[in-house]
PDB file of N, CA and C in Angstrom:
ATOM      1  N   MET A   1      -7.050   2.428  -9.574  1.00  0.00           N
ATOM      2  CA  MET A   1      -7.653   2.365  -8.301  1.00  0.00           C
ATOM      3  C   MET A   1      -9.112   2.239  -8.529  1.00  0.00           C
ATOM      4  N   ALA A   2      -9.838   1.507  -7.784  1.00  0.00           N
ATOM      5  CA  ALA A   2     -11.185   1.423  -7.747  1.00  0.00           C
ATOM      6  C   ALA A   2     -11.814   2.869  -7.377  1.00  0.00           C
ATOM      7  N   SER A   3     -12.828   3.190  -8.062  1.00  0.00           N
ATOM      8  CA  SER A   3     -13.289   4.588  -7.860  1.00  0.00           C
ATOM      9  C   SER A   3     -14.543   4.635  -6.921  1.00  0.00           C
ATOM     10  N   HIS A   4     -14.653   3.848  -5.946  1.00  0.00           N
ATOM     11  CA  HIS A   4     -15.742   3.846  -4.999  1.00  0.00           C
ATOM     12  C   HIS A   4     -15.423   4.838  -3.867  1.00  0.00           C
ATOM     13  N   VAL A   5     -16.380   5.540  -3.369  1.00  0.00           N
ATOM     14  CA  VAL A   5     -16.164   6.592  -2.345  1.00  0.00           C
ATOM     15  C   VAL A   5     -15.519   6.031  -1.097  1.00  0.00           C
ATOM     16  N   LEU A   6     -15.798   4.687  -0.789  1.00  0.00           N
ATOM     17  CA  LEU A   6     -15.221   4.226   0.445  1.00  0.00           C
ATOM     18  C   LEU A   6     -13.823   3.518   0.319  1.00  0.00           C
ATOM     19  N   VAL A   7     -13.332   3.512  -0.913  1.00  0.00           N
ATOM     20  CA  VAL A   7     -12.005   2.975  -1.178  1.00  0.00           C
ATOM     21  C   VAL A   7     -10.971   4.038  -0.944  1.00  0.00           C
ATOM     22  N   PRO A   8     -10.065   3.882   0.051  1.00  0.00           N
ATOM     23  CA  PRO A   8      -9.009   4.911   0.168  1.00  0.00           C
ATOM     24  C   PRO A   8      -8.070   4.874  -0.932  1.00  0.00           C
ATOM     25  N   GLU A   9      -7.217   5.993  -1.098  1.00  0.00           N
ATOM     26  CA  GLU A   9      -6.205   6.143  -2.078  1.00  0.00           C
ATOM     27  C   GLU A   9      -5.135   5.033  -1.995  1.00  0.00           C
ATOM     28  N   HIS A  10      -4.860   4.357  -3.069  1.00  0.00           N
ATOM     29  CA  HIS A  10      -3.785   3.283  -3.173  1.00  0.00           C
ATOM     30  C   HIS A  10      -2.726   3.829  -4.123  1.00  0.00           C
ATOM     31  N   LYS A  11      -1.479   3.657  -3.760  1.00  0.00           N
ATOM     32  CA  LYS A  11      -0.350   4.084  -4.593  1.00  0.00           C
ATOM     33  C   LYS A  11       0.712   3.067  -4.518  1.00  0.00           C
ATOM     34  N   LYS A  12       1.251   2.666  -5.665  1.00  0.00           N
ATOM     35  CA  LYS A  12       2.382   1.762  -5.736  1.00  0.00           C
ATOM     36  C   LYS A  12       3.647   2.587  -5.427  1.00  0.00           C
ATOM     37  N   MET A  13       4.396   2.104  -4.432  1.00  0.00           N
ATOM     38  CA  MET A  13       5.669   2.803  -4.065  1.00  0.00           C
ATOM     39  C   MET A  13       6.783   2.492  -4.972  1.00  0.00           C
ATOM     40  N   ALA A  14       7.694   3.363  -5.184  1.00  0.00           N
ATOM     41  CA  ALA A  14       8.862   3.082  -5.894  1.00  0.00           C
ATOM     42  C   ALA A  14       9.762   2.241  -4.990  1.00  0.00           C
ATOM     43  N   LYS A  15      10.627   1.484  -5.647  1.00  0.00           N
ATOM     44  CA  LYS A  15      11.495   0.555  -4.779  1.00  0.00           C
ATOM     45  C   LYS A  15      12.312   1.309  -3.692  1.00  0.00           C
ATOM     46  N   GLU A  16      12.810   2.455  -4.037  1.00  0.00           N
ATOM     47  CA  GLU A  16      13.575   3.287  -3.075  1.00  0.00           C
ATOM     48  C   GLU A  16      12.707   3.740  -1.963  1.00  0.00           C
ATOM     49  N   GLU A  17      11.507   4.228  -2.242  1.00  0.00           N
ATOM     50  CA  GLU A  17      10.555   4.690  -1.211  1.00  0.00           C
ATOM     51  C   GLU A  17      10.267   3.564  -0.307  1.00  0.00           C
ATOM     52  N   ALA A  18       9.940   2.427  -0.798  1.00  0.00           N
ATOM     53  CA  ALA A  18       9.532   1.225  -0.056  1.00  0.00           C
ATOM     54  C   ALA A  18      10.729   0.813   0.924  1.00  0.00           C
ATOM     55  N   GLU A  19      11.940   0.870   0.385  1.00  0.00           N
ATOM     56  CA  GLU A  19      13.110   0.488   1.209  1.00  0.00           C
ATOM     57  C   GLU A  19      13.232   1.534   2.421  1.00  0.00           C
ATOM     58  N   LYS A  20      12.955   2.755   2.154  1.00  0.00           N
ATOM     59  CA  LYS A  20      13.063   3.773   3.234  1.00  0.00           C
ATOM     60  C   LYS A  20      11.999   3.527   4.268  1.00  0.00           C
ATOM     61  N   ILE A  21      10.822   3.159   3.917  1.00  0.00           N
ATOM     62  CA  ILE A  21       9.736   2.810   4.822  1.00  0.00           C
ATOM     63  C   ILE A  21      10.141   1.599   5.630  1.00  0.00           C
ATOM     64  N   LEU A  22      10.622   0.575   5.031  1.00  0.00           N
ATOM     65  CA  LEU A  22      11.013  -0.686   5.747  1.00  0.00           C
ATOM     66  C   LEU A  22      12.147  -0.325   6.707  1.00  0.00           C
ATOM     67  N   LEU A  23      13.086   0.422   6.364  1.00  0.00           N
ATOM     68  CA  LEU A  23      14.166   0.859   7.290  1.00  0.00           C
ATOM     69  C   LEU A  23      13.629   1.704   8.395  1.00  0.00           C
ATOM     70  N   LYS A  24      12.753   2.688   8.122  1.00  0.00           N
ATOM     71  CA  LYS A  24      12.208   3.489   9.103  1.00  0.00           C
ATOM     72  C   LYS A  24      11.485   2.727  10.249  1.00  0.00           C
ATOM     73  N   TYR A  25      10.778   1.718   9.870  1.00  0.00           N
ATOM     74  CA  TYR A  25      10.054   0.919  10.853  1.00  0.00           C
ATOM     75  C   TYR A  25      10.730  -0.361  11.228  1.00  0.00           C
ATOM     76  N   ASN A  26      11.947  -0.504  10.702  1.00  0.00           N
ATOM     77  CA  ASN A  26      12.787  -1.680  11.058  1.00  0.00           C
ATOM     78  C   ASN A  26      12.031  -2.958  10.796  1.00  0.00           C
ATOM     79  N   ILE A  27      11.430  -3.110   9.633  1.00  0.00           N
ATOM     80  CA  ILE A  27      10.652  -4.333   9.351  1.00  0.00           C
ATOM     81  C   ILE A  27      11.049  -4.869   7.988  1.00  0.00           C
ATOM     82  N   SER A  28      10.584  -6.028   7.623  1.00  0.00           N
ATOM     83  CA  SER A  28      10.840  -6.677   6.310  1.00  0.00           C
ATOM     84  C   SER A  28       9.552  -6.770   5.545  1.00  0.00           C
ATOM     85  N   ARG A  29       9.564  -7.033   4.279  1.00  0.00           N
ATOM     86  CA  ARG A  29       8.339  -7.149   3.537  1.00  0.00           C
ATOM     87  C   ARG A  29       7.444  -8.288   4.113  1.00  0.00           C
ATOM     88  N   LYS A  30       8.012  -9.329   4.577  1.00  0.00           N
ATOM     89  CA  LYS A  30       7.301 -10.384   5.211  1.00  0.00           C
ATOM     90  C   LYS A  30       6.425 -10.037   6.450  1.00  0.00           C
ATOM     91  N   GLN A  31       6.845  -8.902   7.018  1.00  0.00           N
ATOM     92  CA  GLN A  31       6.160  -8.505   8.206  1.00  0.00           C
ATOM     93  C   GLN A  31       4.892  -7.504   7.955  1.00  0.00           C
ATOM     94  N   LEU A  32       4.862  -7.045   6.652  1.00  0.00           N
ATOM     95  CA  LEU A  32       3.841  -6.149   6.261  1.00  0.00           C
ATOM     96  C   LEU A  32       2.530  -6.968   6.036  1.00  0.00           C
ATOM     97  N   PRO A  33       1.384  -6.350   6.310  1.00  0.00           N
ATOM     98  CA  PRO A  33       0.108  -7.025   5.947  1.00  0.00           C
ATOM     99  C   PRO A  33       0.059  -7.177   4.434  1.00  0.00           C
ATOM    100  N   ARG A  34      -0.748  -8.099   3.952  1.00  0.00           N
ATOM    101  CA  ARG A  34      -0.740  -8.495   2.558  1.00  0.00           C
ATOM    102  C   ARG A  34      -1.957  -7.882   1.802  1.00  0.00           C
ATOM    103  N   VAL A  35      -1.782  -7.762   0.471  1.00  0.00           N
ATOM    104  CA  VAL A  35      -2.894  -7.430  -0.417  1.00  0.00           C
ATOM    105  C   VAL A  35      -2.728  -8.359  -1.621  1.00  0.00           C
ATOM    106  N   LYS A  36      -3.817  -8.992  -1.992  1.00  0.00           N
ATOM    107  CA  LYS A  36      -3.748  -9.893  -3.203  1.00  0.00           C
ATOM    108  C   LYS A  36      -3.552  -9.056  -4.476  1.00  0.00           C
ATOM    109  N   ILE A  37      -2.728  -9.634  -5.381  1.00  0.00           N
ATOM    110  CA  ILE A  37      -2.450  -9.010  -6.617  1.00  0.00           C
ATOM    111  C   ILE A  37      -3.744  -8.768  -7.483  1.00  0.00           C
ATOM    112  N   ASN A  38      -4.705  -9.509  -7.288  1.00  0.00           N
ATOM    113  CA  ASN A  38      -5.985  -9.390  -8.018  1.00  0.00           C
ATOM    114  C   ASN A  38      -6.993  -8.534  -7.224  1.00  0.00           C
ATOM    115  N   ASP A  39      -6.566  -7.837  -6.209  1.00  0.00           N
ATOM    116  CA  ASP A  39      -7.533  -6.970  -5.451  1.00  0.00           C
ATOM    117  C   ASP A  39      -7.964  -5.814  -6.387  1.00  0.00           C
ATOM    118  N   ALA A  40      -9.276  -5.522  -6.312  1.00  0.00           N
ATOM    119  CA  ALA A  40      -9.878  -4.458  -7.308  1.00  0.00           C
ATOM    120  C   ALA A  40      -9.218  -3.068  -6.990  1.00  0.00           C
ATOM    121  N   ALA A  41      -8.844  -2.819  -5.743  1.00  0.00           N
ATOM    122  CA  ALA A  41      -8.248  -1.542  -5.368  1.00  0.00           C
ATOM    123  C   ALA A  41      -6.954  -1.233  -6.040  1.00  0.00           C
ATOM    124  N   ILE A  42      -6.194  -2.312  -6.423  1.00  0.00           N
ATOM    125  CA  ILE A  42      -4.832  -2.210  -7.011  1.00  0.00           C
ATOM    126  C   ILE A  42      -4.740  -2.622  -8.489  1.00  0.00           C
ATOM    127  N   GLU A  43      -5.874  -3.007  -9.007  1.00  0.00           N
ATOM    128  CA  GLU A  43      -5.837  -3.659 -10.371  1.00  0.00           C
ATOM    129  C   GLU A  43      -5.253  -2.708 -11.437  1.00  0.00           C
ATOM    130  N   ASN A  44      -5.345  -1.368 -11.299  1.00  0.00           N
ATOM    131  CA  ASN A  44      -4.837  -0.462 -12.322  1.00  0.00           C
ATOM    132  C   ASN A  44      -3.373   0.041 -12.025  1.00  0.00           C
ATOM    133  N   LEU A  45      -2.785  -0.474 -11.032  1.00  0.00           N
ATOM    134  CA  LEU A  45      -1.488   0.084 -10.605  1.00  0.00           C
ATOM    135  C   LEU A  45      -0.305  -0.695 -11.268  1.00  0.00           C
ATOM    136  N   GLN A  46      -0.597  -1.689 -12.066  1.00  0.00           N
ATOM    137  CA  GLN A  46       0.490  -2.557 -12.613  1.00  0.00           C
ATOM    138  C   GLN A  46       1.470  -3.066 -11.688  1.00  0.00           C
ATOM    139  N   CYS A  47       0.928  -3.777 -10.646  1.00  0.00           N
ATOM    140  CA  CYS A  47       1.700  -4.302  -9.542  1.00  0.00           C
ATOM    141  C   CYS A  47       2.305  -5.530  -9.848  1.00  0.00           C
ATOM    142  N   GLU A  48       3.421  -5.917  -9.221  1.00  0.00           N
ATOM    143  CA  GLU A  48       4.041  -7.167  -9.248  1.00  0.00           C
ATOM    144  C   GLU A  48       4.109  -7.750  -7.832  1.00  0.00           C
ATOM    145  N   ILE A  49       4.274  -9.021  -7.642  1.00  0.00           N
ATOM    146  CA  ILE A  49       4.377  -9.643  -6.329  1.00  0.00           C
ATOM    147  C   ILE A  49       5.600  -9.010  -5.660  1.00  0.00           C
ATOM    148  N   GLY A  50       5.500  -8.594  -4.454  1.00  0.00           N
ATOM    149  CA  GLY A  50       6.609  -8.043  -3.697  1.00  0.00           C
ATOM    150  C   GLY A  50       6.575  -6.539  -3.649  1.00  0.00           C
ATOM    151  N   ASP A  51       5.733  -5.931  -4.504  1.00  0.00           N
ATOM    152  CA  ASP A  51       5.671  -4.462  -4.462  1.00  0.00           C
ATOM    153  C   ASP A  51       4.954  -4.001  -3.164  1.00  0.00           C
ATOM    154  N   VAL A  52       5.341  -2.750  -2.749  1.00  0.00           N
ATOM    155  CA  VAL A  52       4.687  -2.182  -1.524  1.00  0.00           C
ATOM    156  C   VAL A  52       3.656  -1.190  -2.008  1.00  0.00           C
ATOM    157  N   ILE A  53       2.497  -1.190  -1.310  1.00  0.00           N
ATOM    158  CA  ILE A  53       1.390  -0.275  -1.678  1.00  0.00           C
ATOM    159  C   ILE A  53       1.181   0.615  -0.460  1.00  0.00           C
ATOM    160  N   GLU A  54       1.092   1.878  -0.715  1.00  0.00           N
ATOM    161  CA  GLU A  54       0.791   2.891   0.317  1.00  0.00           C
ATOM    162  C   GLU A  54      -0.673   3.207   0.258  1.00  0.00           C
ATOM    163  N   ILE A  55      -1.393   3.076   1.385  1.00  0.00           N
ATOM    164  CA  ILE A  55      -2.800   3.309   1.332  1.00  0.00           C
ATOM    165  C   ILE A  55      -2.982   4.553   2.286  1.00  0.00           C
ATOM    166  N   THR A  56      -3.691   5.544   1.779  1.00  0.00           N
ATOM    167  CA  THR A  56      -3.881   6.828   2.505  1.00  0.00           C
ATOM    168  C   THR A  56      -5.382   6.902   2.885  1.00  0.00           C
ATOM    169  N   ARG A  57      -5.657   6.858   4.139  1.00  0.00           N
ATOM    170  CA  ARG A  57      -6.970   6.961   4.581  1.00  0.00           C
ATOM    171  C   ARG A  57      -7.194   8.330   5.261  1.00  0.00           C
ATOM    172  N   LYS A  58      -8.369   8.852   5.056  1.00  0.00           N
ATOM    173  CA  LYS A  58      -8.717  10.242   5.642  1.00  0.00           C
ATOM    174  C   LYS A  58      -9.388   9.993   7.026  1.00  0.00           C
ATOM    175  N   SER A  59      -8.897  10.740   8.037  1.00  0.00           N
ATOM    176  CA  SER A  59      -9.418  10.773   9.330  1.00  0.00           C
ATOM    177  C   SER A  59      -9.824  12.141   9.725  1.00  0.00           C
ATOM    178  N   GLU A  60     -11.026  12.373  10.251  1.00  0.00           N
ATOM    179  CA  GLU A  60     -11.495  13.699  10.745  1.00  0.00           C
ATOM    180  C   GLU A  60     -10.580  14.113  11.881  1.00  0.00           C
ATOM    181  N   ILE A  61     -10.137  13.250  12.628  1.00  0.00           N
ATOM    182  CA  ILE A  61      -9.336  13.570  13.883  1.00  0.00           C
ATOM    183  C   ILE A  61      -7.907  13.638  13.562  1.00  0.00           C
ATOM    184  N   TYR A  62      -7.291  12.717  12.857  1.00  0.00           N
ATOM    185  CA  TYR A  62      -5.847  12.604  12.659  1.00  0.00           C
ATOM    186  C   TYR A  62      -5.395  13.042  11.243  1.00  0.00           C
ATOM    187  N   GLY A  63      -6.348  13.490  10.390  1.00  0.00           N
ATOM    188  CA  GLY A  63      -5.908  13.781   9.000  1.00  0.00           C
ATOM    189  C   GLY A  63      -5.646  12.620   8.153  1.00  0.00           C
ATOM    190  N   ASP A  64      -4.676  12.666   7.323  1.00  0.00           N
ATOM    191  CA  ASP A  64      -4.318  11.627   6.425  1.00  0.00           C
ATOM    192  C   ASP A  64      -3.435  10.621   7.233  1.00  0.00           C
ATOM    193  N   ILE A  65      -3.745   9.290   7.078  1.00  0.00           N
ATOM    194  CA  ILE A  65      -3.039   8.242   7.777  1.00  0.00           C
ATOM    195  C   ILE A  65      -2.613   7.319   6.743  1.00  0.00           C
ATOM    196  N   LYS A  66      -1.312   6.907   6.776  1.00  0.00           N
ATOM    197  CA  LYS A  66      -0.716   5.943   5.774  1.00  0.00           C
ATOM    198  C   LYS A  66      -0.619   4.587   6.363  1.00  0.00           C
ATOM    199  N   PHE A  67      -0.935   3.610   5.521  1.00  0.00           N
ATOM    200  CA  PHE A  67      -0.791   2.221   5.848  1.00  0.00           C
ATOM    201  C   PHE A  67      -0.037   1.595   4.664  1.00  0.00           C
ATOM    202  N   TYR A  68       0.666   0.500   4.921  1.00  0.00           N
ATOM    203  CA  TYR A  68       1.424  -0.162   3.927  1.00  0.00           C
ATOM    204  C   TYR A  68       1.091  -1.616   3.844  1.00  0.00           C
ATOM    205  N   ARG A  69       1.006  -2.139   2.527  1.00  0.00           N
ATOM    206  CA  ARG A  69       0.736  -3.452   2.278  1.00  0.00           C
ATOM    207  C   ARG A  69       1.763  -4.026   1.309  1.00  0.00           C
ATOM    208  N   VAL A  70       2.057  -5.396   1.300  1.00  0.00           N
ATOM    209  CA  VAL A  70       2.862  -5.943   0.292  1.00  0.00           C
ATOM    210  C   VAL A  70       2.012  -6.800  -0.632  1.00  0.00           C
ATOM    211  N   VAL A  71       2.273  -6.753  -1.941  1.00  0.00           N
ATOM    212  CA  VAL A  71       1.440  -7.480  -2.871  1.00  0.00           C
ATOM    213  C   VAL A  71       1.833  -8.943  -2.919  1.00  0.00           C
ATOM    214  N   THR A  72       0.856  -9.865  -2.763  1.00  0.00           N
ATOM    215  CA  THR A  72       1.147 -11.315  -2.785  1.00  0.00           C
ATOM    216  C   THR A  72       0.142 -11.895  -3.886  1.00  0.00           C
ATOM    217  N   LYS A  73       0.311 -13.241  -4.184  1.00  0.00           N
ATOM    218  CA  LYS A  73      -0.494 -13.867  -5.097  1.00  0.00           C
ATOM    219  C   LYS A  73      -1.681 -14.494  -4.383  1.00  0.00           C
TER     220      LYS A  73
END
């Protein structure tokens, strides 16, 4: 992960975790927002196209908020 203070935490999800999230929200990978495979924030995660990335942003009001992206080329 890029170590800049403004870059939120990025984590590559296990296949099983990703499937649970997709089922929970009743969506497919095609419906997730995209992140490019060469994005600096995920360059150290050894991602492959189709992997799901969990992004955790900090909020003073809501605490930790999770967002999901699918890796594309």
